[in-house]
């Protein structure tokens, strides 16, 4: 078996394609489990059949995504959540845009880079960042599963804000209520199979809402949309940072 370190966890995994996985996990590959961090072992086997039935991807690609599902299934036991969204970093804080596929999450990350500079805005993960509930802080962590663009960085950054994204012709943002947050966010995480771990997931979502400012963001793909989100999330004046 091989091992990666992701979101502060030492993750050993079974694979039929060791050289392929080593390449895909290159930024996270450590070779063997580390004794000073929590460790777990993933078996993609139980998940491969259902993924194969829904896709015509090559076997190694199916296994890669099966490992993601296997990891997401156990993460809540370790005070972590795998979420569907884009996590970006600006001046030492992470900002997450969560939304269903096709809503323009990645596009918003690219727009922040376009108007604020790719040297100031980096993408932590473009599809499945991992949230790590560490002490009194929630961190956004990179993972190898980063969507079709493959945008990811092996870092863990304190989260400064989270946006529940809705496509709109308007540009407005407001604090989400707890009900709005739960109703929306439950569809953006992988709920585990085990009842106990599902309860762990619910507790973590509740903790996320209590510790991280959450907003409903309705905006278009314009510079004004970037400005509205940026100023609310960061508390900074957009024109001061615009390139």
C-alpha atoms as a PDB file:
ATOM      1  CA  UNK A   1       0.000   0.000   0.000  1.00  0.00           C
ATOM      2  CA  UNK A   2       0.963   3.642  -0.489  1.00  0.00           C
ATOM      3  CA  UNK A   3       0.408   6.675   1.684  1.00  0.00           C
ATOM      4  CA  UNK A   4      -0.447  10.362   1.331  1.00  0.00           C
ATOM      5  CA  UNK A   5      -0.768  13.125   3.885  1.00  0.00           C
ATOM      6  CA  UNK A   6      -3.846  15.287   3.386  1.00  0.00           C
ATOM      7  CA  UNK A   7      -5.528  17.751   5.762  1.00  0.00           C
ATOM      8  CA  UNK A   8      -3.229  16.647   8.553  1.00  0.00           C
ATOM      9  CA  UNK A   9      -4.100  12.967   8.164  1.00  0.00           C
ATOM     10  CA  UNK A  10      -1.830  10.103   7.214  1.00  0.00           C
ATOM     11  CA  UNK A  11      -3.871   8.168   4.635  1.00  0.00           C
ATOM     12  CA  UNK A  12      -2.735   4.735   3.496  1.00  0.00           C
ATOM     13  CA  UNK A  13      -4.622   3.332   0.525  1.00  0.00           C
ATOM     14  CA  UNK A  14      -5.006   0.157  -1.479  1.00  0.00           C
ATOM     15  CA  UNK A  15      -4.568   0.445  -5.224  1.00  0.00           C
ATOM     16  CA  UNK A  16      -4.278  -1.666  -8.347  1.00  0.00           C
ATOM     17  CA  UNK A  17      -2.437   1.194 -10.081  1.00  0.00           C
ATOM     18  CA  UNK A  18       0.412   2.263  -7.764  1.00  0.00           C
ATOM     19  CA  UNK A  19       2.443   4.217 -10.314  1.00  0.00           C
ATOM     20  CA  UNK A  20      -0.629   6.088 -11.610  1.00  0.00           C
ATOM     21  CA  UNK A  21      -1.783   6.998  -8.089  1.00  0.00           C
ATOM     22  CA  UNK A  22       1.680   8.095  -7.074  1.00  0.00           C
ATOM     23  CA  UNK A  23       1.605  10.555  -9.961  1.00  0.00           C
ATOM     24  CA  UNK A  24      -1.910  11.810  -9.211  1.00  0.00           C
ATOM     25  CA  UNK A  25      -1.046  12.191  -5.527  1.00  0.00           C
ATOM     26  CA  UNK A  26       2.403  13.647  -6.169  1.00  0.00           C
ATOM     27  CA  UNK A  27       1.906  16.793  -4.056  1.00  0.00           C
ATOM     28  CA  UNK A  28       0.634  14.717  -1.113  1.00  0.00           C
ATOM     29  CA  UNK A  29       2.674  11.526  -1.431  1.00  0.00           C
ATOM     30  CA  UNK A  30       4.720  10.607   1.661  1.00  0.00           C
ATOM     31  CA  UNK A  31       5.379   6.915   1.054  1.00  0.00           C
ATOM     32  CA  UNK A  32       4.487   5.603   4.528  1.00  0.00           C
ATOM     33  CA  UNK A  33       2.284   6.436   7.490  1.00  0.00           C
ATOM     34  CA  UNK A  34       3.523   9.031   9.951  1.00  0.00           C
ATOM     35  CA  UNK A  35       3.352   8.093  13.622  1.00  0.00           C
ATOM     36  CA  UNK A  36       2.681  11.627  14.897  1.00  0.00           C
ATOM     37  CA  UNK A  37      -0.598  12.214  13.008  1.00  0.00           C
ATOM     38  CA  UNK A  38      -3.945  10.359  12.865  1.00  0.00           C
ATOM     39  CA  UNK A  39      -3.782   7.467  10.409  1.00  0.00           C
ATOM     40  CA  UNK A  40      -6.382   5.593   8.381  1.00  0.00           C
ATOM     41  CA  UNK A  41      -6.518   3.110   5.534  1.00  0.00           C
ATOM     42  CA  UNK A  42      -8.736   3.414   2.458  1.00  0.00           C
ATOM     43  CA  UNK A  43     -10.101   0.592   0.338  1.00  0.00           C
ATOM     44  CA  UNK A  44     -11.662   1.883  -2.921  1.00  0.00           C
ATOM     45  CA  UNK A  45     -13.136  -1.520  -3.748  1.00  0.00           C
ATOM     46  CA  UNK A  46     -16.630  -1.052  -2.250  1.00  0.00           C
ATOM     47  CA  UNK A  47     -17.101   2.198  -4.180  1.00  0.00           C
ATOM     48  CA  UNK A  48     -15.737   1.267  -7.596  1.00  0.00           C
ATOM     49  CA  UNK A  49     -18.773  -0.638  -8.854  1.00  0.00           C
ATOM     50  CA  UNK A  50     -21.247   2.218  -8.350  1.00  0.00           C
ATOM     51  CA  UNK A  51     -18.864   4.712  -9.971  1.00  0.00           C
ATOM     52  CA  UNK A  52     -18.235   2.386 -12.927  1.00  0.00           C
ATOM     53  CA  UNK A  53     -21.991   2.093 -13.487  1.00  0.00           C
ATOM     54  CA  UNK A  54     -22.262   5.883 -13.850  1.00  0.00           C
ATOM     55  CA  UNK A  55     -19.243   6.579 -16.050  1.00  0.00           C
ATOM     56  CA  UNK A  56     -17.158   5.233 -18.901  1.00  0.00           C
ATOM     57  CA  UNK A  57     -13.885   6.417 -17.360  1.00  0.00           C
ATOM     58  CA  UNK A  58     -10.786   4.227 -17.392  1.00  0.00           C
ATOM     59  CA  UNK A  59     -10.314   1.839 -14.436  1.00  0.00           C
ATOM     60  CA  UNK A  60      -7.505   3.892 -12.910  1.00  0.00           C
ATOM     61  CA  UNK A  61      -9.648   7.039 -13.053  1.00  0.00           C
ATOM     62  CA  UNK A  62     -12.531   5.186 -11.406  1.00  0.00           C
ATOM     63  CA  UNK A  63     -10.184   4.057  -8.648  1.00  0.00           C
ATOM     64  CA  UNK A  64      -8.898   7.604  -8.142  1.00  0.00           C
ATOM     65  CA  UNK A  65     -12.424   8.901  -7.556  1.00  0.00           C
ATOM     66  CA  UNK A  66     -13.395   5.852  -5.506  1.00  0.00           C
ATOM     67  CA  UNK A  67     -10.588   6.755  -3.114  1.00  0.00           C
ATOM     68  CA  UNK A  68     -12.084  10.231  -2.797  1.00  0.00           C
ATOM     69  CA  UNK A  69     -15.482   8.756  -1.873  1.00  0.00           C
ATOM     70  CA  UNK A  70     -13.861   6.324   0.556  1.00  0.00           C
ATOM     71  CA  UNK A  71     -12.051   9.207   2.245  1.00  0.00           C
ATOM     72  CA  UNK A  72     -15.153  11.396   2.411  1.00  0.00           C
ATOM     73  CA  UNK A  73     -17.033   8.557   4.081  1.00  0.00           C
ATOM     74  CA  UNK A  74     -14.724   8.486   7.123  1.00  0.00           C
ATOM     75  CA  UNK A  75     -13.518  12.084   7.425  1.00  0.00           C
ATOM     76  CA  UNK A  76     -16.218  13.259   9.891  1.00  0.00           C
ATOM     77  CA  UNK A  77     -14.845  10.798  12.479  1.00  0.00           C
ATOM     78  CA  UNK A  78     -11.632  12.830  12.337  1.00  0.00           C
ATOM     79  CA  UNK A  79     -13.333  16.255  12.568  1.00  0.00           C
ATOM     80  CA  UNK A  80     -13.023  16.896   8.855  1.00  0.00           C
ATOM     81  CA  UNK A  81     -15.478  17.321   5.996  1.00  0.00           C
ATOM     82  CA  UNK A  82     -14.972  16.919   2.268  1.00  0.00           C
ATOM     83  CA  UNK A  83     -17.044  19.615   0.619  1.00  0.00           C
ATOM     84  CA  UNK A  84     -18.055  20.433  -2.937  1.00  0.00           C
ATOM     85  CA  UNK A  85     -16.812  23.897  -3.766  1.00  0.00           C
ATOM     86  CA  UNK A  86     -13.884  26.109  -4.675  1.00  0.00           C
ATOM     87  CA  UNK A  87     -11.513  27.343  -1.992  1.00  0.00           C
ATOM     88  CA  UNK A  88      -9.268  30.328  -2.712  1.00  0.00           C
ATOM     89  CA  UNK A  89      -6.699  32.115  -0.570  1.00  0.00           C
ATOM     90  CA  UNK A  90      -6.221  35.871  -0.254  1.00  0.00           C
ATOM     91  CA  UNK A  91      -3.816  37.440   2.251  1.00  0.00           C
ATOM     92  CA  UNK A  92      -3.683  34.393   4.525  1.00  0.00           C
ATOM     93  CA  UNK A  93      -7.412  33.716   4.628  1.00  0.00           C
ATOM     94  CA  UNK A  94      -9.424  31.141   2.692  1.00  0.00           C
ATOM     95  CA  UNK A  95     -12.769  31.893   1.077  1.00  0.00           C
ATOM     96  CA  UNK A  96     -15.055  29.124  -0.135  1.00  0.00           C
ATOM     97  CA  UNK A  97     -17.676  29.281  -2.881  1.00  0.00           C
ATOM     98  CA  UNK A  98     -20.071  26.353  -2.517  1.00  0.00           C
ATOM     99  CA  UNK A  99     -22.640  25.518  -5.175  1.00  0.00           C
ATOM    100  CA  UNK A 100     -23.886  22.716  -7.437  1.00  0.00           C
ATOM    101  CA  UNK A 101     -21.875  21.911 -10.552  1.00  0.00           C
ATOM    102  CA  UNK A 102     -22.275  24.350 -13.412  1.00  0.00           C
ATOM    103  CA  UNK A 103     -22.943  27.389 -11.232  1.00  0.00           C
ATOM    104  CA  UNK A 104     -19.636  29.095 -11.985  1.00  0.00           C
ATOM    105  CA  UNK A 105     -17.551  28.377  -8.891  1.00  0.00           C
ATOM    106  CA  UNK A 106     -14.275  28.009 -10.775  1.00  0.00           C
ATOM    107  CA  UNK A 107     -15.085  31.019 -12.947  1.00  0.00           C
ATOM    108  CA  UNK A 108     -15.380  33.186  -9.841  1.00  0.00           C
ATOM    109  CA  UNK A 109     -11.951  32.050  -8.681  1.00  0.00           C
ATOM    110  CA  UNK A 110     -10.519  32.985 -12.087  1.00  0.00           C
ATOM    111  CA  UNK A 111     -12.231  36.401 -11.911  1.00  0.00           C
ATOM    112  CA  UNK A 112     -10.690  37.104  -8.508  1.00  0.00           C
ATOM    113  CA  UNK A 113      -7.296  36.285 -10.024  1.00  0.00           C
ATOM    114  CA  UNK A 114      -8.020  38.442 -13.075  1.00  0.00           C
ATOM    115  CA  UNK A 115      -8.996  41.563 -11.133  1.00  0.00           C
ATOM    116  CA  UNK A 116      -6.868  41.135  -7.990  1.00  0.00           C
ATOM    117  CA  UNK A 117      -3.849  39.318  -9.406  1.00  0.00           C
ATOM    118  CA  UNK A 118      -2.865  35.646  -9.595  1.00  0.00           C
ATOM    119  CA  UNK A 119       0.036  36.490  -7.293  1.00  0.00           C
ATOM    120  CA  UNK A 120      -2.444  37.574  -4.594  1.00  0.00           C
ATOM    121  CA  UNK A 121      -5.190  34.977  -5.132  1.00  0.00           C
ATOM    122  CA  UNK A 122      -4.351  31.276  -5.280  1.00  0.00           C
ATOM    123  CA  UNK A 123      -6.701  28.332  -5.628  1.00  0.00           C
ATOM    124  CA  UNK A 124      -6.438  25.934  -2.694  1.00  0.00           C
ATOM    125  CA  UNK A 125      -8.770  23.473  -4.381  1.00  0.00           C
ATOM    126  CA  UNK A 126     -11.072  23.755  -7.369  1.00  0.00           C
ATOM    127  CA  UNK A 127     -13.605  21.050  -6.530  1.00  0.00           C
ATOM    128  CA  UNK A 128     -13.251  19.153  -3.238  1.00  0.00           C
ATOM    129  CA  UNK A 129     -11.452  21.075  -0.511  1.00  0.00           C
ATOM    130  CA  UNK A 130     -11.350  19.441   2.910  1.00  0.00           C
ATOM    131  CA  UNK A 131     -12.472  21.394   5.958  1.00  0.00           C
ATOM    132  CA  UNK A 132     -10.420  20.648   9.072  1.00  0.00           C
ATOM    133  CA  UNK A 133     -11.964  21.595  12.418  1.00  0.00           C
ATOM    134  CA  UNK A 134      -8.774  22.149  14.366  1.00  0.00           C
ATOM    135  CA  UNK A 135      -9.190  23.487  17.911  1.00  0.00           C
ATOM    136  CA  UNK A 136     -11.098  26.790  17.585  1.00  0.00           C
ATOM    137  CA  UNK A 137     -10.274  27.247  13.894  1.00  0.00           C
ATOM    138  CA  UNK A 138     -11.700  25.822  10.679  1.00  0.00           C
ATOM    139  CA  UNK A 139      -9.083  25.334   7.965  1.00  0.00           C
ATOM    140  CA  UNK A 140      -9.573  24.918   4.229  1.00  0.00           C
ATOM    141  CA  UNK A 141      -7.153  22.265   2.990  1.00  0.00           C
ATOM    142  CA  UNK A 142      -6.111  21.209  -0.459  1.00  0.00           C
ATOM    143  CA  UNK A 143      -6.723  17.712  -1.765  1.00  0.00           C
ATOM    144  CA  UNK A 144      -5.699  15.799  -4.893  1.00  0.00           C
ATOM    145  CA  UNK A 145      -9.319  15.724  -6.102  1.00  0.00           C
ATOM    146  CA  UNK A 146      -9.502  19.101  -7.771  1.00  0.00           C
ATOM    147  CA  UNK A 147     -11.917  18.890 -10.711  1.00  0.00           C
ATOM    148  CA  UNK A 148     -11.219  18.973 -14.416  1.00  0.00           C
ATOM    149  CA  UNK A 149      -8.859  21.957 -14.135  1.00  0.00           C
ATOM    150  CA  UNK A 150      -6.773  20.166 -11.487  1.00  0.00           C
ATOM    151  CA  UNK A 151      -6.282  23.354  -9.473  1.00  0.00           C
ATOM    152  CA  UNK A 152      -5.042  22.555  -5.992  1.00  0.00           C
ATOM    153  CA  UNK A 153      -2.347  23.395  -3.482  1.00  0.00           C
ATOM    154  CA  UNK A 154      -1.215  21.305  -0.534  1.00  0.00           C
ATOM    155  CA  UNK A 155      -1.881  23.895   2.165  1.00  0.00           C
ATOM    156  CA  UNK A 156      -4.278  24.416   5.092  1.00  0.00           C
ATOM    157  CA  UNK A 157      -5.521  27.987   5.555  1.00  0.00           C
ATOM    158  CA  UNK A 158      -7.946  29.484   8.137  1.00  0.00           C
ATOM    159  CA  UNK A 159     -11.333  30.161   6.564  1.00  0.00           C
ATOM    160  CA  UNK A 160     -12.417  33.801   6.514  1.00  0.00           C
ATOM    161  CA  UNK A 161     -15.833  33.305   4.918  1.00  0.00           C
ATOM    162  CA  UNK A 162     -18.062  30.961   2.990  1.00  0.00           C
ATOM    163  CA  UNK A 163     -20.472  31.809   0.176  1.00  0.00           C
ATOM    164  CA  UNK A 164     -23.511  29.822  -0.839  1.00  0.00           C
ATOM    165  CA  UNK A 165     -23.601  30.690  -4.487  1.00  0.00           C
ATOM    166  CA  UNK A 166     -26.643  31.331  -6.647  1.00  0.00           C
ATOM    167  CA  UNK A 167     -26.434  32.495 -10.237  1.00  0.00           C
ATOM    168  CA  UNK A 168     -28.309  35.752 -10.769  1.00  0.00           C
ATOM    169  CA  UNK A 169     -28.419  38.889 -12.906  1.00  0.00           C
ATOM    170  CA  UNK A 170     -28.162  40.910  -9.709  1.00  0.00           C
ATOM    171  CA  UNK A 171     -25.187  41.394  -7.433  1.00  0.00           C
ATOM    172  CA  UNK A 172     -26.106  41.081  -3.780  1.00  0.00           C
ATOM    173  CA  UNK A 173     -24.834  39.311  -0.706  1.00  0.00           C
ATOM    174  CA  UNK A 174     -26.341  38.802   2.732  1.00  0.00           C
ATOM    175  CA  UNK A 175     -25.696  36.733   5.836  1.00  0.00           C
ATOM    176  CA  UNK A 176     -27.256  33.293   5.650  1.00  0.00           C
ATOM    177  CA  UNK A 177     -29.617  32.156   8.367  1.00  0.00           C
ATOM    178  CA  UNK A 178     -28.898  28.846  10.055  1.00  0.00           C
ATOM    179  CA  UNK A 179     -31.781  27.198   8.185  1.00  0.00           C
ATOM    180  CA  UNK A 180     -30.640  28.577   4.827  1.00  0.00           C
ATOM    181  CA  UNK A 181     -27.125  27.383   5.544  1.00  0.00           C
ATOM    182  CA  UNK A 182     -28.152  23.859   6.575  1.00  0.00           C
ATOM    183  CA  UNK A 183     -30.635  23.438   3.716  1.00  0.00           C
ATOM    184  CA  UNK A 184     -28.036  24.493   1.165  1.00  0.00           C
ATOM    185  CA  UNK A 185     -24.874  23.010   2.615  1.00  0.00           C
ATOM    186  CA  UNK A 186     -26.182  19.515   3.263  1.00  0.00           C
ATOM    187  CA  UNK A 187     -26.317  19.049  -0.506  1.00  0.00           C
ATOM    188  CA  UNK A 188     -22.663  20.094  -0.845  1.00  0.00           C
ATOM    189  CA  UNK A 189     -21.073  17.445   1.344  1.00  0.00           C
ATOM    190  CA  UNK A 190     -20.838  13.694   1.083  1.00  0.00           C
ATOM    191  CA  UNK A 191     -23.028  12.135   3.763  1.00  0.00           C
ATOM    192  CA  UNK A 192     -21.378   8.966   5.122  1.00  0.00           C
ATOM    193  CA  UNK A 193     -23.069   5.584   5.230  1.00  0.00           C
ATOM    194  CA  UNK A 194     -22.778   4.978   8.967  1.00  0.00           C
ATOM    195  CA  UNK A 195     -25.449   6.612  11.130  1.00  0.00           C
ATOM    196  CA  UNK A 196     -22.899   7.615  13.770  1.00  0.00           C
ATOM    197  CA  UNK A 197     -20.734   9.345  11.183  1.00  0.00           C
ATOM    198  CA  UNK A 198     -23.769  11.098   9.695  1.00  0.00           C
ATOM    199  CA  UNK A 199     -24.402  12.591  13.126  1.00  0.00           C
ATOM    200  CA  UNK A 200     -20.748  13.661  13.231  1.00  0.00           C
ATOM    201  CA  UNK A 201     -21.310  15.424   9.894  1.00  0.00           C
ATOM    202  CA  UNK A 202     -24.343  17.303  11.216  1.00  0.00           C
ATOM    203  CA  UNK A 203     -22.369  18.417  14.269  1.00  0.00           C
ATOM    204  CA  UNK A 204     -19.533  19.685  12.086  1.00  0.00           C
ATOM    205  CA  UNK A 205     -21.906  21.644   9.840  1.00  0.00           C
ATOM    206  CA  UNK A 206     -23.386  23.249  12.939  1.00  0.00           C
ATOM    207  CA  UNK A 207     -19.874  24.080  14.157  1.00  0.00           C
ATOM    208  CA  UNK A 208     -18.963  25.490  10.745  1.00  0.00           C
ATOM    209  CA  UNK A 209     -21.923  27.866  10.846  1.00  0.00           C
ATOM    210  CA  UNK A 210     -21.007  29.025  14.356  1.00  0.00           C
ATOM    211  CA  UNK A 211     -17.344  29.687  13.534  1.00  0.00           C
ATOM    212  CA  UNK A 212     -17.285  30.894   9.908  1.00  0.00           C
ATOM    213  CA  UNK A 213     -19.284  33.829   8.468  1.00  0.00           C
ATOM    214  CA  UNK A 214     -21.660  32.354   5.889  1.00  0.00           C
ATOM    215  CA  UNK A 215     -23.341  34.346   3.134  1.00  0.00           C
ATOM    216  CA  UNK A 216     -25.892  33.891   0.390  1.00  0.00           C
ATOM    217  CA  UNK A 217     -24.263  35.314  -2.722  1.00  0.00           C
ATOM    218  CA  UNK A 218     -26.279  36.117  -5.811  1.00  0.00           C
ATOM    219  CA  UNK A 219     -24.180  37.604  -8.569  1.00  0.00           C
ATOM    220  CA  UNK A 220     -23.235  37.490 -12.198  1.00  0.00           C
ATOM    221  CA  UNK A 221     -19.843  36.935 -13.776  1.00  0.00           C
ATOM    222  CA  UNK A 222     -18.893  40.610 -13.819  1.00  0.00           C
ATOM    223  CA  UNK A 223     -16.289  42.717 -12.070  1.00  0.00           C
ATOM    224  CA  UNK A 224     -19.060  44.239  -9.980  1.00  0.00           C
ATOM    225  CA  UNK A 225     -19.878  40.741  -8.765  1.00  0.00           C
ATOM    226  CA  UNK A 226     -16.263  40.295  -7.673  1.00  0.00           C
ATOM    227  CA  UNK A 227     -16.326  43.642  -5.874  1.00  0.00           C
ATOM    228  CA  UNK A 228     -19.510  42.860  -3.935  1.00  0.00           C
ATOM    229  CA  UNK A 229     -18.216  39.493  -2.754  1.00  0.00           C
ATOM    230  CA  UNK A 230     -14.676  40.698  -2.059  1.00  0.00           C
ATOM    231  CA  UNK A 231     -15.621  43.663   0.120  1.00  0.00           C
ATOM    232  CA  UNK A 232     -18.118  41.682   2.192  1.00  0.00           C
ATOM    233  CA  UNK A 233     -15.904  38.638   2.671  1.00  0.00           C
ATOM    234  CA  UNK A 234     -12.627  40.409   3.382  1.00  0.00           C
ATOM    235  CA  UNK A 235     -13.813  43.703   4.883  1.00  0.00           C
ATOM    236  CA  UNK A 236     -11.331  45.470   2.594  1.00  0.00           C
ATOM    237  CA  UNK A 237     -11.794  48.141  -0.046  1.00  0.00           C
ATOM    238  CA  UNK A 238     -11.790  46.568  -3.490  1.00  0.00           C
ATOM    239  CA  UNK A 239     -10.260  49.515  -5.373  1.00  0.00           C
ATOM    240  CA  UNK A 240      -7.226  49.433  -3.117  1.00  0.00           C
ATOM    241  CA  UNK A 241      -6.344  45.924  -4.319  1.00  0.00           C
ATOM    242  CA  UNK A 242      -7.573  45.959  -7.896  1.00  0.00           C
ATOM    243  CA  UNK A 243      -4.756  45.579 -10.430  1.00  0.00           C
END
